[in-house]
N, C-alpha and C. Protein backbone atom coordinates (compact mmCIF):
# COMPACT_ATOMS: atom_id res chain seq x y z
N MET A 1 19.97 23.25 -8.45
CA MET A 1 18.68 23.51 -9.05
C MET A 1 17.99 22.18 -9.34
N SER A 2 16.75 22.08 -8.93
CA SER A 2 16.03 20.81 -9.12
C SER A 2 15.45 20.71 -10.53
N ILE A 3 15.30 19.46 -11.00
CA ILE A 3 14.70 19.25 -12.32
C ILE A 3 13.20 18.96 -12.19
N PHE A 4 12.77 18.42 -11.05
CA PHE A 4 11.36 18.24 -10.75
C PHE A 4 11.23 17.87 -9.28
N LYS A 5 9.99 17.73 -8.81
CA LYS A 5 9.73 17.34 -7.43
C LYS A 5 9.06 15.97 -7.42
N ALA A 6 9.33 15.20 -6.35
CA ALA A 6 8.75 13.87 -6.18
C ALA A 6 8.43 13.67 -4.71
N SER A 7 7.38 12.90 -4.41
CA SER A 7 7.05 12.63 -3.01
C SER A 7 7.42 11.19 -2.66
N TYR A 8 7.93 11.03 -1.46
CA TYR A 8 8.41 9.74 -0.97
C TYR A 8 7.22 8.87 -0.56
N ILE A 9 7.15 7.65 -1.11
CA ILE A 9 6.04 6.74 -0.79
C ILE A 9 6.41 5.71 0.27
N GLY A 10 7.65 5.76 0.73
CA GLY A 10 8.08 4.84 1.78
C GLY A 10 8.79 3.62 1.23
N GLY A 11 9.26 2.79 2.14
CA GLY A 11 9.89 1.54 1.74
C GLY A 11 11.29 1.33 2.28
N LEU A 12 11.92 2.37 2.81
CA LEU A 12 13.26 2.21 3.37
C LEU A 12 13.19 2.26 4.89
N LYS A 13 13.88 1.32 5.53
CA LYS A 13 13.95 1.32 6.99
C LYS A 13 15.12 2.18 7.42
N ASP A 14 15.01 2.81 8.58
CA ASP A 14 16.05 3.66 9.14
C ASP A 14 16.52 4.70 8.11
N CYS A 15 15.56 5.38 7.51
CA CYS A 15 15.85 6.35 6.45
C CYS A 15 15.53 7.76 6.95
N CYS A 16 16.23 8.72 6.40
CA CYS A 16 16.01 10.12 6.78
C CYS A 16 14.83 10.74 6.04
N LEU A 17 14.23 10.01 5.08
CA LEU A 17 13.11 10.53 4.31
C LEU A 17 11.79 10.30 5.06
N LYS A 18 10.83 11.23 4.87
CA LYS A 18 9.54 11.14 5.53
C LYS A 18 8.46 10.79 4.52
N PHE A 19 7.58 9.87 4.89
CA PHE A 19 6.47 9.45 4.04
C PHE A 19 5.64 10.65 3.61
N GLY A 20 5.34 10.76 2.31
CA GLY A 20 4.49 11.83 1.80
C GLY A 20 5.18 13.16 1.61
N GLU A 21 6.41 13.30 2.11
CA GLU A 21 7.14 14.56 1.98
C GLU A 21 7.56 14.76 0.53
N VAL A 22 7.52 16.02 0.06
CA VAL A 22 7.91 16.35 -1.30
C VAL A 22 9.37 16.77 -1.31
N TYR A 23 10.16 16.14 -2.19
CA TYR A 23 11.59 16.41 -2.29
C TYR A 23 11.94 16.91 -3.69
N LYS A 24 12.95 17.77 -3.75
CA LYS A 24 13.45 18.26 -5.03
C LYS A 24 14.48 17.26 -5.57
N VAL A 25 14.26 16.81 -6.80
CA VAL A 25 15.19 15.88 -7.44
C VAL A 25 16.20 16.70 -8.23
N LYS A 26 17.47 16.55 -7.84
CA LYS A 26 18.55 17.31 -8.47
C LYS A 26 19.09 16.62 -9.71
N ARG A 27 19.15 15.29 -9.66
CA ARG A 27 19.71 14.52 -10.77
C ARG A 27 19.13 13.12 -10.78
N ILE A 28 19.12 12.48 -11.96
CA ILE A 28 18.69 11.09 -12.11
C ILE A 28 19.89 10.29 -12.60
N LEU A 29 20.14 9.16 -11.93
CA LEU A 29 21.22 8.26 -12.34
C LEU A 29 20.61 6.97 -12.88
N ALA A 30 21.10 6.53 -14.02
CA ALA A 30 20.69 5.24 -14.59
C ALA A 30 21.82 4.25 -14.30
N LYS A 31 21.51 3.21 -13.56
CA LYS A 31 22.51 2.19 -13.21
C LYS A 31 22.57 1.13 -14.30
N ASP A 32 23.62 0.30 -14.27
CA ASP A 32 23.82 -0.75 -15.26
C ASP A 32 22.68 -1.77 -15.28
N ASN A 33 22.03 -1.96 -14.13
CA ASN A 33 20.93 -2.93 -14.05
C ASN A 33 19.61 -2.37 -14.58
N GLY A 34 19.62 -1.14 -15.09
CA GLY A 34 18.42 -0.53 -15.66
C GLY A 34 17.58 0.26 -14.67
N LYS A 35 17.93 0.23 -13.39
CA LYS A 35 17.18 0.96 -12.38
C LYS A 35 17.60 2.43 -12.38
N LEU A 36 16.62 3.28 -12.07
CA LEU A 36 16.87 4.71 -11.98
C LEU A 36 16.95 5.11 -10.51
N PHE A 37 17.89 5.98 -10.20
CA PHE A 37 18.07 6.49 -8.85
C PHE A 37 18.02 8.01 -8.86
N PHE A 38 17.42 8.58 -7.81
CA PHE A 38 17.34 10.03 -7.66
C PHE A 38 18.41 10.51 -6.71
N ILE A 39 19.02 11.63 -7.04
CA ILE A 39 19.86 12.37 -6.11
C ILE A 39 19.03 13.59 -5.73
N LEU A 40 18.75 13.73 -4.44
CA LEU A 40 17.86 14.77 -3.94
C LEU A 40 18.64 15.97 -3.45
N GLU A 41 18.03 17.14 -3.55
CA GLU A 41 18.65 18.35 -3.00
C GLU A 41 18.62 18.26 -1.49
N GLU A 42 19.73 18.62 -0.87
CA GLU A 42 19.88 18.73 0.59
C GLU A 42 19.76 17.40 1.32
N ILE A 43 19.79 16.26 0.60
CA ILE A 43 19.74 14.94 1.22
C ILE A 43 20.89 14.11 0.64
N GLU A 44 21.67 13.49 1.51
CA GLU A 44 22.79 12.66 1.06
C GLU A 44 22.30 11.33 0.51
N GLY A 45 22.98 10.80 -0.48
CA GLY A 45 22.72 9.46 -0.96
C GLY A 45 21.95 9.41 -2.27
N GLU A 46 21.76 8.17 -2.74
CA GLU A 46 21.00 7.88 -3.97
C GLU A 46 19.80 7.05 -3.56
N TYR A 47 18.63 7.37 -4.13
CA TYR A 47 17.40 6.69 -3.75
C TYR A 47 16.69 6.18 -5.00
N GLU A 48 16.28 4.92 -4.96
CA GLU A 48 15.63 4.30 -6.10
C GLU A 48 14.35 5.05 -6.47
N SER A 49 14.15 5.29 -7.75
CA SER A 49 13.02 6.09 -8.21
C SER A 49 11.67 5.44 -7.88
N SER A 50 11.63 4.13 -7.73
CA SER A 50 10.37 3.44 -7.42
C SER A 50 9.86 3.77 -6.02
N LEU A 51 10.66 4.42 -5.20
CA LEU A 51 10.25 4.82 -3.86
C LEU A 51 9.53 6.18 -3.85
N PHE A 52 9.30 6.76 -5.05
CA PHE A 52 8.73 8.10 -5.15
C PHE A 52 7.60 8.16 -6.16
N HIS A 53 6.66 9.07 -5.89
CA HIS A 53 5.68 9.48 -6.89
C HIS A 53 6.27 10.69 -7.60
N GLU A 54 6.39 10.62 -8.93
CA GLU A 54 6.74 11.82 -9.67
C GLU A 54 5.46 12.63 -9.80
N LEU A 55 5.45 13.84 -9.29
CA LEU A 55 4.23 14.63 -9.22
C LEU A 55 3.75 15.04 -10.61
N LYS A 56 2.47 14.81 -10.87
CA LYS A 56 1.88 15.16 -12.16
C LYS A 56 1.32 16.58 -12.10
N ASN A 57 1.58 17.37 -13.14
CA ASN A 57 1.05 18.72 -13.21
C ASN A 57 -0.39 18.65 -13.72
N LYS A 58 -1.33 19.05 -12.89
CA LYS A 58 -2.75 18.95 -13.23
C LYS A 58 -3.29 20.20 -13.93
N GLY A 59 -2.49 21.27 -14.03
CA GLY A 59 -2.95 22.48 -14.73
C GLY A 59 -3.42 23.55 -13.78
N PHE A 60 -4.16 24.52 -14.34
CA PHE A 60 -4.60 25.70 -13.58
C PHE A 60 -6.01 25.53 -13.04
N PHE A 61 -6.20 25.92 -11.78
CA PHE A 61 -7.51 25.85 -11.12
C PHE A 61 -7.70 27.09 -10.26
N TYR A 62 -8.96 27.37 -9.93
CA TYR A 62 -9.29 28.42 -8.98
C TYR A 62 -9.60 27.78 -7.63
N LEU A 63 -9.20 28.46 -6.57
CA LEU A 63 -9.52 28.01 -5.21
C LEU A 63 -10.96 28.38 -4.92
N ALA A 64 -11.76 27.42 -4.47
CA ALA A 64 -13.15 27.69 -4.14
C ALA A 64 -13.24 28.56 -2.89
N SER A 65 -12.20 28.58 -2.08
CA SER A 65 -12.15 29.48 -0.93
C SER A 65 -11.32 30.70 -1.33
N GLY A 66 -11.39 31.74 -0.55
CA GLY A 66 -10.68 32.98 -0.88
C GLY A 66 -9.25 33.04 -0.38
N GLU A 67 -8.77 31.97 0.26
CA GLU A 67 -7.44 32.00 0.87
C GLU A 67 -6.43 31.25 0.01
N ILE A 68 -5.17 31.65 0.14
CA ILE A 68 -4.11 30.92 -0.54
C ILE A 68 -3.94 29.56 0.15
N PRO A 69 -3.47 28.56 -0.57
CA PRO A 69 -3.30 27.24 0.06
C PRO A 69 -2.26 27.27 1.17
N LYS A 70 -2.49 26.47 2.18
CA LYS A 70 -1.56 26.37 3.32
C LYS A 70 -1.07 24.93 3.44
N VAL A 71 0.18 24.77 3.80
CA VAL A 71 0.75 23.45 4.01
C VAL A 71 -0.02 22.76 5.13
N GLY A 72 -0.40 21.51 4.90
CA GLY A 72 -1.14 20.73 5.89
C GLY A 72 -2.65 20.80 5.70
N SER A 73 -3.13 21.71 4.84
CA SER A 73 -4.57 21.80 4.60
C SER A 73 -4.92 21.13 3.27
N TYR A 74 -6.18 21.17 2.92
CA TYR A 74 -6.67 20.62 1.66
C TYR A 74 -7.20 21.78 0.83
N MET A 75 -7.26 21.60 -0.48
CA MET A 75 -7.77 22.66 -1.34
C MET A 75 -9.07 22.21 -1.99
N ARG A 76 -10.06 23.13 -2.03
CA ARG A 76 -11.28 22.93 -2.81
C ARG A 76 -11.08 23.72 -4.09
N LEU A 77 -11.09 23.03 -5.24
CA LEU A 77 -10.76 23.65 -6.51
C LEU A 77 -11.90 23.55 -7.50
N ILE A 78 -11.95 24.55 -8.41
CA ILE A 78 -12.85 24.52 -9.55
C ILE A 78 -12.02 24.90 -10.79
N LYS A 79 -12.47 24.48 -11.96
CA LYS A 79 -11.72 24.72 -13.20
C LYS A 79 -12.01 26.12 -13.76
N HIS A 80 -13.26 26.59 -13.65
CA HIS A 80 -13.67 27.89 -14.19
C HIS A 80 -14.37 28.68 -13.10
N LYS A 81 -14.33 30.00 -13.18
CA LYS A 81 -14.91 30.85 -12.12
C LYS A 81 -16.39 30.59 -11.89
N ASN A 82 -17.13 30.23 -12.94
CA ASN A 82 -18.57 29.99 -12.78
C ASN A 82 -18.90 28.51 -12.64
N ASP A 83 -17.89 27.69 -12.41
CA ASP A 83 -18.08 26.24 -12.31
C ASP A 83 -18.73 25.88 -10.97
N MET A 84 -19.73 25.01 -11.01
CA MET A 84 -20.39 24.56 -9.79
C MET A 84 -19.79 23.25 -9.26
N ASN A 85 -18.99 22.58 -10.07
CA ASN A 85 -18.41 21.30 -9.68
C ASN A 85 -17.02 21.51 -9.07
N GLU A 86 -16.96 21.44 -7.77
CA GLU A 86 -15.67 21.58 -7.11
C GLU A 86 -15.19 20.21 -6.66
N PHE A 87 -13.89 20.11 -6.41
CA PHE A 87 -13.35 18.86 -5.90
C PHE A 87 -12.28 19.18 -4.85
N MET A 88 -12.03 18.21 -4.01
CA MET A 88 -11.06 18.37 -2.92
C MET A 88 -9.78 17.63 -3.29
N THR A 89 -8.66 18.28 -3.04
CA THR A 89 -7.36 17.66 -3.30
C THR A 89 -6.88 16.93 -2.05
N GLY A 90 -5.74 16.27 -2.18
CA GLY A 90 -5.07 15.71 -1.02
C GLY A 90 -4.42 16.81 -0.20
N GLU A 91 -3.76 16.44 0.86
CA GLU A 91 -3.11 17.39 1.74
C GLU A 91 -1.99 18.14 1.00
N VAL A 92 -1.95 19.44 1.20
CA VAL A 92 -0.92 20.27 0.57
C VAL A 92 0.40 20.06 1.32
N LYS A 93 1.45 19.73 0.55
CA LYS A 93 2.77 19.47 1.12
C LYS A 93 3.71 20.66 0.99
N VAL A 94 3.64 21.37 -0.15
CA VAL A 94 4.52 22.51 -0.43
C VAL A 94 3.72 23.54 -1.23
N VAL A 95 3.93 24.83 -0.93
CA VAL A 95 3.33 25.92 -1.71
C VAL A 95 4.45 26.85 -2.14
N GLU A 96 4.47 27.19 -3.44
CA GLU A 96 5.47 28.10 -3.97
C GLU A 96 4.78 29.20 -4.77
N ASN A 97 5.38 30.38 -4.80
CA ASN A 97 4.92 31.44 -5.70
C ASN A 97 5.31 31.06 -7.11
N SER A 98 4.47 31.40 -8.07
CA SER A 98 4.83 31.17 -9.47
C SER A 98 5.39 32.48 -10.04
N LYS A 99 5.72 32.47 -11.31
CA LYS A 99 6.22 33.68 -11.96
C LYS A 99 5.10 34.69 -12.20
N ILE A 100 3.85 34.22 -12.13
CA ILE A 100 2.69 35.09 -12.36
C ILE A 100 2.18 35.55 -10.99
N PRO A 101 2.08 36.86 -10.75
CA PRO A 101 1.58 37.35 -9.46
C PRO A 101 0.18 36.82 -9.16
N GLY A 102 -0.04 36.38 -7.93
CA GLY A 102 -1.35 35.87 -7.50
C GLY A 102 -1.60 34.42 -7.84
N VAL A 103 -0.65 33.77 -8.51
CA VAL A 103 -0.78 32.35 -8.84
C VAL A 103 0.27 31.57 -8.04
N TYR A 104 -0.16 30.48 -7.44
CA TYR A 104 0.70 29.65 -6.60
C TYR A 104 0.78 28.25 -7.19
N ILE A 105 1.88 27.58 -6.92
CA ILE A 105 2.02 26.16 -7.26
C ILE A 105 1.88 25.41 -5.94
N ALA A 106 0.87 24.58 -5.84
CA ALA A 106 0.61 23.80 -4.63
C ALA A 106 0.84 22.33 -4.94
N TYR A 107 1.69 21.69 -4.15
CA TYR A 107 2.04 20.29 -4.36
C TYR A 107 1.35 19.43 -3.31
N THR A 108 0.68 18.37 -3.77
CA THR A 108 0.14 17.36 -2.87
C THR A 108 1.03 16.12 -3.00
N GLU A 109 0.61 15.01 -2.41
CA GLU A 109 1.44 13.81 -2.44
C GLU A 109 1.65 13.27 -3.85
N LYS A 110 0.69 13.49 -4.76
CA LYS A 110 0.81 12.92 -6.10
C LYS A 110 0.71 13.93 -7.23
N ASN A 111 0.30 15.17 -6.93
CA ASN A 111 0.03 16.13 -8.00
C ASN A 111 0.55 17.52 -7.68
N ALA A 112 0.68 18.32 -8.74
CA ALA A 112 1.02 19.73 -8.63
C ALA A 112 -0.09 20.52 -9.30
N TYR A 113 -0.58 21.56 -8.63
CA TYR A 113 -1.66 22.38 -9.15
C TYR A 113 -1.21 23.84 -9.20
N SER A 114 -1.50 24.53 -10.31
CA SER A 114 -1.36 25.98 -10.37
C SER A 114 -2.70 26.53 -9.92
N VAL A 115 -2.69 27.36 -8.88
CA VAL A 115 -3.96 27.83 -8.31
C VAL A 115 -3.94 29.33 -8.09
N SER A 116 -5.14 29.91 -8.12
CA SER A 116 -5.34 31.33 -7.83
C SER A 116 -6.64 31.47 -7.09
N SER A 117 -6.74 32.52 -6.28
CA SER A 117 -7.98 32.79 -5.58
C SER A 117 -9.05 33.18 -6.58
N ILE A 118 -10.28 32.79 -6.32
CA ILE A 118 -11.39 33.10 -7.22
C ILE A 118 -11.77 34.56 -7.12
N ILE A 119 -11.39 35.22 -6.05
CA ILE A 119 -11.75 36.63 -5.82
C ILE A 119 -10.79 37.54 -6.54
């Protein structure tokens, strides 16, 4: 079971990790030198935490389009149903169902958004 998700920002040569990919962090190790290392789900080895963005939870938003988010696309979001100010997110890396029906958790390279269709 993961404790949070983080996206790989690069920095290792000949590595099995992909730039921008979102990984589940299973455990954090603190080494004697003060550096933190992540143990990832389904990936062998220990990886320095500085090689990852810890995804920030941005809260709940409505999708300006009527479709659920898709991996590889971008989301146009608004904060309130009658809001005229929309904004575009980065590329969606992972989409998960939440515990609330009709609400999804969409992860980009740096953020996590709880989203629902405006319709």
